[in-house]
Amino acid sequence: MIRSLLFAATLVGLAPLPSIAAPACADLVVVNANIRTLDEQVPRAAALATIGSRIVAVGDDVQLRPLACDSTRVIDAEGRLVLPGFNDSHVHFMTGGQGLSSVDLRDADSQQEFAARIGAFAEKRSKGAWVLRGNWDHENWTPNDLPTRQLIDGVTPDNPVFVQRLDGHMGLANSRALALAGITRDTPDPAGGEIVRDANGEPTGVLKDDAMDAVFAVIPRRSFDEDLVIAQAATDYAASLGVTSVQDMGPNRPGVYQELLRQGKLKTRIYAISPLGDYQRWVRAGIRAAFGDPMLRVGGLKGFTDGSLGSTTAWFFEPYLDNPQSTGLALEESKHHPRDVSGADGAGLQVVIHAIGDRANDEALKVFEQVARDHGERDRRFRIEHAQHLNDALIRRFADGGVIASMQPYHAIDDGRWAHKRLDPARLAGTYAFRSLLDAGGRLALGTDWAVAPLDPMLTLHAAVVRETLDGEYPGGWYPEQKLTIEEAVRAYTTGSAHAEFQEHHKGTLAPGMLADFVLWSQDIFTIAPAAIADARALLTVVDGRVVFEAK
């Protein structure tokens, strides 16, 4: 069976029209392929053809080879798997791009290694230049004590340092950075944050959630040109991994992406999400959800309810096992969610809210439910980012309210190494509850949270299907009843993510009229052993009908 479009309709700006006649000459034809289209009408194919930015035909080699003219690029897939491009539903694109050239602390396995890497990186920086990012994880250390400023002061005498834990909800400042931020023993904890102190009441350098804002305020803002370099690195990297779309949770500068697009250098479709507190700016501009062109759109707004499990700032109903005096933190901005979500939703904007702990998810759902009652039925697509710790009642509310769970499977195999220190088995049973959400009728959109977790989609799929923690302690899977099949995971990462950004009629499947975003893979992840999924690599990435990455 062949599916094709009368392409002339698209040339004059009309909706594509079904036709039995294929276009005479394609720009790109892929043949001899194992194509999983994710399209219900033609789920499998051997060839596809594109003109401009759209797919115009899907079928077999015999049907589509005649579309190849002298100017057509013909790609022989040699029987390999072709999938729609992956759409990461939750990234921090500029942060990830910056991290590609920052100090890398993610796999530092001791405080000594942590300090040595910071010192070596600082030596290469000019005097006074900040050392940032890092993505450290104290759960890799034995003992897992938090670092202190004294650990790094001696190796960073000329540079202010603020390196963040990989979840972004806690960071370590050296003494120089604390002084620039004006943080002393007399500085009170801000609402929604904590300044960690030693036995004498002195700041240790660790700042949690809203306490980090004082340091952020004194870090020099990057120039537009510096951000262009960072964004270029991020989009190049995404293309090399088969990631063709991202939903950027910020901080971002859409103008930077716009300039890359103008220069023809943007290789990733971007939905740039803004802070929820800025909703009135978009209201004044008359912007609604998912406004823009297929490469760059705005109109989504993100709020925060709590912090993270790793920083013990996720908000729970019951205390932490390893900190019985605390149930986590409700961030200060969450007090304004009823007003801000109502205002944004009333203006036709999309709202997504970060919620980790069970109480944070409960509070976010309450706000969504009340706003939906107040404003009535419409296609609003509320989302909760992470939806990490749920129970049966919360899962049912996701499904009943049509709230999208935007989740990151890699976090499960990372946090699963140590989550039992924080939470009891009853709460852990609802951690990253992919299967329970799907079975209840909920919607899933998958992503990575890059740079918190790796951007590689194969690592995400492997985590969703296998759920084996990074330390190898759960060879059958950590809470294996929550595993997804590979097809479920791929769909959540393509069609599910497209739905989460109002783009399911444009991307997520390979069918005539859809955007020409697809990837040729080194292995067939549907047939190889699940353990081998993580090793699959992108060989060729096409975005908007252009080859944007090709493996050497």
Protein backbone atom coordinates (compact mmCIF):
# COMPACT_ATOMS: atom_id res chain seq x y z
CA MET A 1 0.00 0.00 0.00
CA ILE A 2 1.21 3.52 -0.79
CA ARG A 3 0.11 6.73 0.88
CA SER A 4 0.87 9.99 -0.86
CA LEU A 5 -0.23 13.61 -1.23
CA LEU A 6 -1.06 15.89 -4.08
CA PHE A 7 1.85 18.15 -3.27
CA ALA A 8 0.62 21.12 -5.31
CA ALA A 9 -1.87 21.86 -2.53
CA THR A 10 0.93 22.48 -0.05
CA LEU A 11 2.70 24.82 -2.48
CA VAL A 12 -0.17 27.29 -2.41
CA GLY A 13 -0.62 27.09 1.35
CA LEU A 14 -3.68 24.85 1.35
CA ALA A 15 -4.26 21.82 3.56
CA PRO A 16 -2.75 18.69 1.99
CA LEU A 17 -5.24 16.69 -0.08
CA PRO A 18 -5.26 12.89 -0.27
CA SER A 19 -4.52 11.57 -3.72
CA ILE A 20 -3.55 8.37 -5.43
CA ALA A 21 -1.04 10.35 -7.49
CA ALA A 22 2.39 10.90 -6.01
CA PRO A 23 4.50 13.97 -6.84
CA ALA A 24 6.73 13.67 -9.90
CA CYS A 25 10.09 14.39 -8.29
CA ALA A 26 11.08 14.15 -4.63
CA ASP A 27 13.89 15.95 -2.83
CA LEU A 28 14.74 12.94 -0.70
CA VAL A 29 13.84 9.27 -1.03
CA VAL A 30 14.69 6.59 1.54
CA VAL A 31 14.58 3.02 0.23
CA ASN A 32 15.35 -0.49 1.49
CA ALA A 33 14.34 0.55 5.01
CA ASN A 34 12.59 -0.96 8.00
CA ILE A 35 10.24 1.95 8.68
CA ARG A 36 8.05 2.01 11.78
CA THR A 37 5.73 4.87 10.90
CA LEU A 38 3.63 4.82 14.11
CA ASP A 39 0.76 5.64 11.73
CA GLU A 40 -2.18 3.30 12.19
CA GLN A 41 -3.10 3.22 8.49
CA VAL A 42 0.34 2.11 7.28
CA PRO A 43 2.34 1.01 10.35
CA ARG A 44 5.23 -0.53 8.39
CA ALA A 45 6.91 0.55 5.16
CA ALA A 46 10.12 0.14 3.20
CA ALA A 47 10.41 3.59 1.63
CA LEU A 48 9.39 7.20 2.05
CA ALA A 49 9.76 10.38 0.02
CA THR A 50 9.89 14.06 0.94
CA ILE A 51 9.49 17.38 -0.82
CA GLY A 52 10.49 20.45 1.08
CA SER A 53 9.68 20.05 4.75
CA ARG A 54 6.97 17.40 4.37
CA ILE A 55 6.64 13.71 3.74
CA VAL A 56 4.77 13.17 0.47
CA ALA A 57 4.68 9.39 0.11
CA VAL A 58 5.18 6.24 2.18
CA GLY A 59 5.20 2.76 0.67
CA ASP A 60 7.60 0.23 -0.84
CA ASP A 61 10.70 0.57 -2.99
CA VAL A 62 9.00 -0.24 -6.27
CA GLN A 63 6.36 2.43 -5.70
CA LEU A 64 8.68 5.19 -4.55
CA ARG A 65 11.86 4.76 -6.61
CA PRO A 66 10.21 6.47 -9.62
CA LEU A 67 10.03 9.64 -7.51
CA ALA A 68 13.82 9.91 -7.59
CA CYS A 69 15.13 12.33 -10.24
CA ASP A 70 18.69 13.43 -10.95
CA SER A 71 18.40 16.06 -8.20
CA THR A 72 16.93 13.67 -5.62
CA ARG A 73 19.07 12.35 -2.82
CA VAL A 74 18.41 8.64 -2.49
CA ILE A 75 19.33 7.01 0.82
CA ASP A 76 19.71 3.25 0.92
CA ALA A 77 18.89 2.32 4.52
CA GLU A 78 20.32 -1.20 4.03
CA GLY A 79 17.39 -2.68 5.93
CA ARG A 80 17.92 -0.58 9.03
CA LEU A 81 15.27 0.90 11.30
CA VAL A 82 13.78 4.30 10.52
CA LEU A 83 11.66 6.04 13.17
CA PRO A 84 10.03 9.44 13.57
CA GLY A 85 12.42 11.88 15.21
CA PHE A 86 12.34 11.80 18.99
CA ASN A 87 10.58 14.70 20.69
CA ASP A 88 12.00 15.36 24.15
CA SER A 89 9.13 16.69 26.24
CA HIS A 90 11.32 18.25 28.93
CA VAL A 91 14.78 19.74 28.47
CA HIS A 92 16.76 22.75 29.61
CA PHE A 93 18.31 23.36 26.21
CA MET A 94 20.58 26.33 26.96
CA THR A 95 21.69 24.82 30.26
CA GLY A 96 22.53 21.59 28.48
CA GLY A 97 24.40 23.44 25.76
CA GLN A 98 26.37 25.36 28.35
CA GLY A 99 27.16 22.12 30.14
CA LEU A 100 28.87 20.73 27.04
CA SER A 101 31.75 23.14 27.71
CA SER A 102 31.54 23.36 31.53
CA VAL A 103 33.19 21.37 34.28
CA ASP A 104 31.77 17.84 34.34
CA LEU A 105 31.15 16.52 37.86
CA ARG A 106 28.41 14.02 37.12
CA ASP A 107 30.52 10.90 37.59
CA ALA A 108 32.93 12.26 40.21
CA ASP A 109 32.92 9.40 42.71
CA SER A 110 34.31 11.19 45.76
CA GLN A 111 34.56 14.63 47.29
CA GLN A 112 38.26 14.61 46.46
CA GLU A 113 37.60 13.96 42.78
CA PHE A 114 34.85 16.61 42.84
CA ALA A 115 37.27 19.23 44.19
CA ALA A 116 40.10 18.20 41.86
CA ARG A 117 37.94 18.59 38.75
CA ILE A 118 36.74 22.03 39.84
CA GLY A 119 40.30 23.12 40.53
CA ALA A 120 41.59 21.88 37.18
CA PHE A 121 38.76 23.62 35.34
CA ALA A 122 39.24 26.88 37.26
CA GLU A 123 42.93 26.95 36.32
CA LYS A 124 41.91 27.30 32.67
CA ARG A 125 39.53 30.18 33.37
CA SER A 126 40.52 33.83 33.48
CA LYS A 127 40.71 35.51 36.87
CA GLY A 128 37.25 36.44 38.11
CA ALA A 129 35.40 34.20 35.60
CA TRP A 130 32.66 32.09 37.13
CA VAL A 131 32.77 28.30 37.32
CA LEU A 132 29.19 27.07 36.80
CA ARG A 133 26.96 24.05 36.19
CA GLY A 134 28.80 20.81 37.05
CA ASN A 135 25.87 18.44 37.67
CA TRP A 136 27.37 16.75 40.73
CA ASP A 137 25.67 13.96 42.64
CA HIS A 138 26.67 13.38 46.24
CA GLU A 139 24.87 10.04 46.16
CA ASN A 140 27.91 8.78 44.22
CA TRP A 141 30.11 9.35 47.29
CA THR A 142 30.75 7.26 50.39
CA PRO A 143 29.73 8.72 52.74
CA ASN A 144 27.17 10.79 50.85
CA ASP A 145 27.81 13.98 52.80
CA LEU A 146 27.07 17.28 51.10
CA PRO A 147 30.15 19.19 49.90
CA THR A 148 31.25 22.43 51.56
CA ARG A 149 32.85 25.65 50.39
CA GLN A 150 36.01 24.79 52.32
CA LEU A 151 36.43 21.76 50.05
CA ILE A 152 36.91 23.98 46.99
CA ASP A 153 38.05 27.36 48.32
CA GLY A 154 41.72 26.38 48.20
CA VAL A 155 41.60 25.33 44.54
CA THR A 156 39.53 28.32 43.36
CA PRO A 157 41.22 31.39 44.89
CA ASP A 158 40.58 33.64 41.89
CA ASN A 159 37.20 32.47 40.64
CA PRO A 160 33.68 32.55 42.06
CA VAL A 161 32.11 29.08 41.90
CA PHE A 162 28.51 27.95 41.88
CA VAL A 163 28.17 24.34 40.79
CA GLN A 164 24.74 22.75 40.95
CA ARG A 165 23.59 19.28 41.83
CA LEU A 166 22.38 17.47 38.75
CA ASP A 167 18.70 18.08 39.60
CA GLY A 168 19.22 21.86 39.64
CA HIS A 169 17.58 22.26 43.06
CA MET A 170 20.75 22.60 45.11
CA GLY A 171 24.17 24.10 44.47
CA LEU A 172 27.54 24.68 46.13
CA ALA A 173 29.03 28.17 46.23
CA ASN A 174 32.61 28.85 47.25
CA SER A 175 33.34 31.64 49.74
CA ARG A 176 34.03 34.12 46.96
CA ALA A 177 30.58 33.51 45.42
CA LEU A 178 28.85 33.73 48.82
CA ALA A 179 30.52 37.08 49.46
CA LEU A 180 29.43 38.44 46.08
CA ALA A 181 25.87 37.31 46.86
CA GLY A 182 25.98 38.89 50.33
CA ILE A 183 25.22 35.62 52.12
CA THR A 184 26.53 35.46 55.69
CA ARG A 185 25.63 33.69 58.91
CA ASP A 186 23.12 36.47 59.55
CA THR A 187 21.28 35.95 56.26
CA PRO A 188 17.88 34.36 56.95
CA ASP A 189 16.57 31.45 54.92
CA PRO A 190 14.30 32.80 52.18
CA ALA A 191 10.79 31.45 51.80
CA GLY A 192 10.97 28.31 49.68
CA GLY A 193 14.71 27.84 50.19
CA GLU A 194 17.39 26.83 52.65
CA ILE A 195 20.91 28.05 53.40
CA VAL A 196 22.63 24.96 54.77
CA ARG A 197 24.72 25.80 57.84
CA ASP A 198 27.38 24.06 59.91
CA ALA A 199 27.25 23.42 63.66
CA ASN A 200 28.42 26.99 64.30
CA GLY A 201 25.71 28.54 62.16
CA GLU A 202 28.04 29.42 59.28
CA PRO A 203 26.86 28.81 55.70
CA THR A 204 28.47 25.69 54.30
CA GLY A 205 28.08 26.95 50.75
CA VAL A 206 25.17 24.64 49.89
CA LEU A 207 22.03 26.52 48.89
CA LYS A 208 18.68 24.83 48.20
CA ASP A 209 15.99 25.97 45.77
CA ASP A 210 14.93 29.60 46.33
CA ALA A 211 18.08 30.25 48.38
CA MET A 212 20.05 29.94 45.14
CA ASP A 213 18.46 33.10 43.75
CA ALA A 214 20.87 35.36 45.65
CA VAL A 215 23.80 33.83 43.74
CA PHE A 216 21.99 33.76 40.42
CA ALA A 217 21.42 37.52 40.82
CA VAL A 218 25.16 38.27 40.78
CA ILE A 219 26.23 35.92 37.98
CA PRO A 220 26.88 38.09 34.91
CA ARG A 221 24.30 37.67 32.15
CA ARG A 222 25.71 36.06 29.03
CA SER A 223 25.81 38.11 25.86
CA PHE A 224 23.62 37.32 22.89
CA ASP A 225 26.63 36.07 20.94
CA GLU A 226 27.70 33.81 23.81
CA ASP A 227 24.23 32.33 23.91
CA LEU A 228 24.34 31.77 20.15
CA VAL A 229 27.42 29.58 20.60
CA ILE A 230 25.74 27.63 23.41
CA ALA A 231 22.51 27.14 21.45
CA GLN A 232 24.46 26.01 18.38
CA ALA A 233 26.29 23.40 20.46
CA ALA A 234 22.97 22.19 21.88
CA THR A 235 21.21 21.84 18.52
CA ASP A 236 24.21 20.10 16.94
CA TYR A 237 24.34 17.66 19.83
CA ALA A 238 20.61 16.94 19.67
CA ALA A 239 20.85 16.18 15.95
CA SER A 240 23.66 13.70 16.56
CA LEU A 241 21.39 11.77 18.95
CA GLY A 242 18.27 11.62 16.79
CA VAL A 243 16.41 14.24 18.83
CA THR A 244 14.51 16.39 16.34
CA SER A 245 12.20 18.34 18.69
CA VAL A 246 12.54 19.62 22.24
CA GLN A 247 10.21 21.31 24.68
CA ASP A 248 12.54 23.74 26.41
CA MET A 249 11.61 24.40 30.03
CA GLY A 250 14.15 27.22 30.28
CA PRO A 251 15.84 29.37 31.09
CA ASN A 252 15.81 30.21 27.40
CA ARG A 253 16.12 33.12 24.99
CA PRO A 254 13.77 32.55 22.03
CA GLY A 255 15.51 35.38 20.19
CA VAL A 256 18.69 33.31 20.12
CA TYR A 257 16.83 30.39 18.57
CA GLN A 258 15.21 32.80 16.12
CA GLU A 259 18.64 34.00 14.99
CA LEU A 260 19.89 30.45 14.48
CA LEU A 261 16.75 29.76 12.46
CA ARG A 262 17.38 32.88 10.35
CA GLN A 263 20.92 31.69 9.67
CA GLY A 264 19.68 28.22 8.70
CA LYS A 265 21.60 26.63 11.56
CA LEU A 266 18.77 25.51 13.83
CA LYS A 267 18.54 21.71 13.64
CA THR A 268 15.95 21.18 16.36
CA ARG A 269 12.30 22.18 16.56
CA ILE A 270 11.81 24.11 19.80
CA TYR A 271 8.78 24.85 21.94
CA ALA A 272 10.19 27.52 24.25
CA ILE A 273 8.40 27.48 27.61
CA SER A 274 8.44 30.64 29.74
CA PRO A 275 8.06 31.11 33.52
CA LEU A 276 4.45 31.00 34.68
CA GLY A 277 4.86 34.31 36.51
CA ASP A 278 5.45 36.00 33.13
CA TYR A 279 2.02 35.07 31.77
CA GLN A 280 0.80 38.67 31.64
CA ARG A 281 3.56 39.52 29.15
CA TRP A 282 2.17 36.95 26.73
CA VAL A 283 -1.40 38.04 27.44
CA ARG A 284 -0.53 41.63 26.51
CA ALA A 285 1.06 40.41 23.29
CA GLY A 286 -2.04 38.38 22.42
CA ILE A 287 -0.06 35.11 22.29
CA ARG A 288 -1.87 31.82 22.80
CA ALA A 289 -0.56 28.28 23.28
CA ALA A 290 1.91 26.90 20.71
CA PHE A 291 2.20 30.14 18.72
CA GLY A 292 4.82 30.28 15.96
CA ASP A 293 6.05 28.27 13.01
CA PRO A 294 6.92 24.57 12.93
CA MET A 295 10.54 25.23 13.95
CA LEU A 296 10.05 27.66 16.83
CA ARG A 297 6.99 28.25 18.99
CA VAL A 298 6.06 29.90 22.28
CA GLY A 299 2.94 30.14 24.44
CA GLY A 300 3.66 27.56 27.14
CA LEU A 301 4.24 28.56 30.77
CA LYS A 302 5.94 26.58 33.54
CA GLY A 303 5.47 26.85 37.28
CA PHE A 304 7.19 25.11 40.18
CA THR A 305 5.51 23.57 43.20
CA ASP A 306 8.48 21.92 44.94
CA GLY A 307 12.12 20.91 44.58
CA SER A 308 13.63 17.45 44.11
CA LEU A 309 14.03 14.16 45.92
CA GLY A 310 17.82 14.25 45.70
CA SER A 311 17.95 17.64 47.40
CA THR A 312 15.30 16.58 49.96
CA THR A 313 13.15 19.50 48.81
CA ALA A 314 10.41 17.47 47.08
CA TRP A 315 7.15 18.11 48.97
CA PHE A 316 5.46 15.12 50.63
CA PHE A 317 2.57 14.49 52.98
CA GLU A 318 4.83 12.43 55.25
CA PRO A 319 8.41 13.18 56.40
CA TYR A 320 11.60 11.90 54.81
CA LEU A 321 13.04 8.77 56.39
CA ASP A 322 16.51 10.33 56.55
CA ASN A 323 15.23 13.72 57.69
CA PRO A 324 12.17 13.12 59.92
CA GLN A 325 11.84 16.84 60.67
CA SER A 326 11.14 17.66 57.02
CA THR A 327 8.43 16.96 54.46
CA GLY A 328 10.27 19.01 51.84
CA LEU A 329 9.63 22.51 50.53
CA ALA A 330 6.69 24.23 48.94
CA LEU A 331 8.33 26.85 46.72
CA GLU A 332 7.24 30.42 47.26
CA GLU A 333 5.81 30.82 43.76
CA SER A 334 3.37 27.97 44.33
CA LYS A 335 1.31 30.29 46.55
CA HIS A 336 0.45 32.27 43.42
CA HIS A 337 -0.46 29.27 41.23
CA PRO A 338 -4.25 29.60 41.64
CA ARG A 339 -4.10 33.18 40.36
CA ASP A 340 -1.43 32.63 37.68
CA VAL A 341 -2.81 29.39 36.27
CA SER A 342 -6.28 30.90 36.09
CA GLY A 343 -5.01 34.00 34.32
CA ALA A 344 -2.87 32.06 31.86
CA ASP A 345 -5.55 29.50 31.09
CA GLY A 346 -8.16 32.19 30.63
CA ALA A 347 -5.92 33.73 27.97
CA GLY A 348 -5.55 30.46 26.06
CA LEU A 349 -1.98 29.72 27.14
CA GLN A 350 -0.72 26.25 28.07
CA VAL A 351 0.36 25.67 31.67
CA VAL A 352 2.81 23.04 32.86
CA ILE A 353 3.78 22.62 36.52
CA HIS A 354 6.79 20.92 38.06
CA ALA A 355 5.73 18.54 40.84
CA ILE A 356 7.86 15.79 42.40
CA GLY A 357 6.45 14.79 45.80
CA ASP A 358 2.98 13.37 46.37
CA ARG A 359 1.76 16.52 48.09
CA ALA A 360 3.19 18.69 45.31
CA ASN A 361 1.30 16.62 42.74
CA ASP A 362 -1.87 16.86 44.83
CA GLU A 363 -1.57 20.65 45.05
CA ALA A 364 -0.89 21.04 41.32
CA LEU A 365 -3.85 18.84 40.43
CA LYS A 366 -6.10 20.82 42.76
CA VAL A 367 -5.19 24.02 40.95
CA PHE A 368 -5.78 22.46 37.54
CA GLU A 369 -9.08 20.94 38.61
CA GLN A 370 -10.37 24.23 40.02
CA VAL A 371 -9.36 26.23 36.94
CA ALA A 372 -11.00 23.66 34.65
CA ARG A 373 -14.23 23.93 36.66
CA ASP A 374 -14.11 27.71 36.58
CA HIS A 375 -13.36 28.06 32.87
CA GLY A 376 -15.23 25.10 31.43
CA GLU A 377 -14.33 22.58 28.75
CA ARG A 378 -11.61 23.33 26.23
CA ASP A 379 -8.51 21.64 24.81
CA ARG A 380 -6.06 23.09 27.36
CA ARG A 381 -3.64 20.15 27.85
CA PHE A 382 -2.49 20.85 31.37
CA ARG A 383 0.75 19.05 32.17
CA ILE A 384 2.65 18.02 35.28
CA GLU A 385 6.37 17.79 34.75
CA HIS A 386 8.00 14.77 36.43
CA ALA A 387 4.88 13.46 38.24
CA GLN A 388 7.42 11.48 40.17
CA HIS A 389 5.75 10.20 43.33
CA LEU A 390 2.10 9.25 42.99
CA ASN A 391 -0.50 7.04 44.62
CA ASP A 392 -3.59 5.37 43.19
CA ALA A 393 -5.84 8.35 43.88
CA LEU A 394 -3.46 10.79 42.21
CA ILE A 395 -3.07 8.51 39.19
CA ARG A 396 -6.83 8.39 38.77
CA ARG A 397 -6.99 12.19 38.90
CA PHE A 398 -4.40 12.47 36.13
CA ALA A 399 -6.54 10.26 33.91
CA ASP A 400 -9.90 11.79 34.84
CA GLY A 401 -8.63 15.34 34.34
CA GLY A 402 -6.77 14.62 31.10
CA VAL A 403 -3.58 15.95 32.71
CA ILE A 404 -0.48 14.91 30.77
CA ALA A 405 2.28 13.26 32.78
CA SER A 406 5.56 14.51 31.30
CA MET A 407 8.08 12.03 32.71
CA GLN A 408 11.76 11.11 32.47
CA PRO A 409 12.52 7.38 32.79
CA TYR A 410 16.27 7.85 33.27
CA HIS A 411 15.55 9.47 36.62
CA ALA A 412 14.03 6.19 37.80
CA ILE A 413 17.21 4.18 37.25
CA ASP A 414 19.30 6.96 38.76
CA ASP A 415 17.21 7.79 41.84
CA GLY A 416 16.43 4.10 42.37
CA ARG A 417 19.96 3.59 43.70
CA TRP A 418 19.24 5.56 46.86
CA ALA A 419 15.54 6.50 46.99
CA HIS A 420 14.95 3.90 49.72
CA LYS A 421 16.97 6.11 52.07
CA ARG A 422 14.40 8.87 51.65
CA LEU A 423 11.07 7.06 51.28
CA ASP A 424 9.26 4.02 52.63
CA PRO A 425 8.15 1.15 50.33
CA ALA A 426 4.55 2.35 50.16
CA ARG A 427 5.59 5.65 48.65
CA LEU A 428 8.24 4.07 46.43
CA ALA A 429 5.62 1.81 44.86
CA GLY A 430 4.16 4.86 43.13
CA THR A 431 7.49 6.22 41.92
CA TYR A 432 7.73 6.77 38.14
CA ALA A 433 4.48 4.88 37.73
CA PHE A 434 4.50 4.69 33.92
CA ARG A 435 2.48 1.50 33.66
CA SER A 436 -0.12 2.52 36.23
CA LEU A 437 -0.70 5.84 34.47
CA LEU A 438 -1.15 4.19 31.07
CA ASP A 439 -3.40 1.46 32.45
CA ALA A 440 -5.59 4.10 34.11
CA GLY A 441 -6.06 5.84 30.77
CA GLY A 442 -3.57 8.62 31.39
CA ARG A 443 -1.36 10.28 28.77
CA LEU A 444 2.42 10.01 28.86
CA ALA A 445 5.01 12.26 27.23
CA LEU A 446 8.61 11.16 27.66
CA GLY A 447 11.79 13.18 27.85
CA THR A 448 15.10 13.48 29.66
CA ASP A 449 15.32 16.70 31.70
CA TRP A 450 18.69 17.30 30.00
CA ALA A 451 21.13 18.39 31.40
CA VAL A 452 19.86 16.70 34.59
CA ALA A 453 19.94 13.40 32.68
CA PRO A 454 21.59 12.46 29.37
CA LEU A 455 19.86 13.66 26.19
CA ASP A 456 20.39 10.33 24.40
CA PRO A 457 16.87 8.92 23.71
CA MET A 458 18.17 5.34 23.68
CA LEU A 459 19.17 5.65 27.33
CA THR A 460 15.66 6.88 28.10
CA LEU A 461 14.01 4.02 26.21
CA HIS A 462 16.29 1.49 27.88
CA ALA A 463 15.37 2.90 31.30
CA ALA A 464 11.64 2.76 30.55
CA VAL A 465 11.74 -0.82 29.28
CA VAL A 466 14.31 -2.37 31.65
CA ARG A 467 14.20 -0.16 34.79
CA GLU A 468 17.52 -1.53 36.00
CA THR A 469 19.21 0.97 38.31
CA LEU A 470 22.62 2.34 37.42
CA ASP A 471 24.29 0.45 40.26
CA GLY A 472 23.10 -2.93 38.96
CA GLU A 473 21.34 -3.79 42.22
CA TYR A 474 17.99 -4.56 40.56
CA PRO A 475 18.71 -6.87 37.59
CA GLY A 476 15.00 -7.63 37.16
CA GLY A 477 14.08 -3.98 37.29
CA TRP A 478 13.34 -1.53 40.09
CA TYR A 479 9.60 -1.86 40.71
CA PRO A 480 9.40 -3.85 37.46
CA GLU A 481 5.61 -3.78 37.38
CA GLN A 482 5.97 -0.21 36.09
CA LYS A 483 7.96 -1.14 32.97
CA LEU A 484 6.80 -0.09 29.51
CA THR A 485 7.07 -2.12 26.33
CA ILE A 486 9.43 -0.71 23.72
CA GLU A 487 6.50 0.26 21.49
CA GLU A 488 4.74 2.07 24.34
CA ALA A 489 7.93 3.92 25.21
CA VAL A 490 8.62 4.95 21.61
CA ARG A 491 5.04 6.17 21.16
CA ALA A 492 5.18 8.20 24.38
CA TYR A 493 8.44 9.73 23.15
CA THR A 494 7.05 10.66 19.72
CA THR A 495 3.27 10.85 19.39
CA GLY A 496 2.82 11.38 23.12
CA SER A 497 5.26 14.28 23.20
CA ALA A 498 3.72 15.76 20.05
CA HIS A 499 0.29 15.73 21.70
CA ALA A 500 1.76 17.40 24.78
CA GLU A 501 2.69 20.43 22.63
CA PHE A 502 -0.39 20.52 20.35
CA GLN A 503 1.56 19.16 17.38
CA GLU A 504 0.17 15.67 16.84
CA HIS A 505 -1.14 16.63 13.37
CA HIS A 506 2.33 17.69 12.27
CA LYS A 507 4.84 15.32 13.82
CA GLY A 508 5.24 12.09 15.74
CA THR A 509 4.31 9.79 12.83
CA LEU A 510 5.70 9.21 9.35
CA ALA A 511 2.79 9.75 7.00
CA PRO A 512 2.05 11.97 4.00
CA GLY A 513 1.58 15.56 5.05
CA MET A 514 3.57 15.17 8.25
CA LEU A 515 6.80 17.04 8.82
CA ALA A 516 9.84 15.27 7.40
CA ASP A 517 11.59 14.52 10.70
CA PHE A 518 13.03 11.00 10.91
CA VAL A 519 16.09 9.07 12.01
CA LEU A 520 17.98 6.05 10.67
CA TRP A 521 19.20 3.84 13.52
CA SER A 522 22.09 1.41 13.83
CA GLN A 523 19.94 -1.34 15.32
CA ASP A 524 16.30 -2.40 15.40
CA ILE A 525 15.35 -1.61 18.97
CA PHE A 526 12.07 -3.52 18.55
CA THR A 527 13.79 -6.87 18.00
CA ILE A 528 17.13 -6.75 19.83
CA ALA A 529 17.50 -7.75 23.47
CA PRO A 530 16.19 -4.96 25.74
CA ALA A 531 19.60 -4.68 27.41
CA ALA A 532 21.12 -3.68 24.05
CA ILE A 533 18.72 -0.78 23.37
CA ALA A 534 21.06 1.67 25.09
CA ASP A 535 23.77 0.91 22.52
CA ALA A 536 21.76 1.89 19.43
CA ARG A 537 23.07 4.99 17.66
CA ALA A 538 21.67 7.51 15.20
CA LEU A 539 23.25 7.10 11.77
CA LEU A 540 21.33 9.82 9.96
CA THR A 541 18.98 12.52 11.22
CA VAL A 542 16.57 14.46 9.01
CA VAL A 543 14.74 17.57 10.23
CA ASP A 544 12.43 19.62 8.02
CA GLY A 545 13.47 17.50 5.05
CA ARG A 546 17.16 18.37 5.57
CA VAL A 547 19.90 15.96 6.59
CA VAL A 548 21.22 17.62 9.75
CA PHE A 549 23.45 14.79 10.98
CA GLU A 550 25.18 11.92 9.29
CA ALA A 551 27.51 9.53 11.09
CA LYS A 552 30.95 9.20 9.56
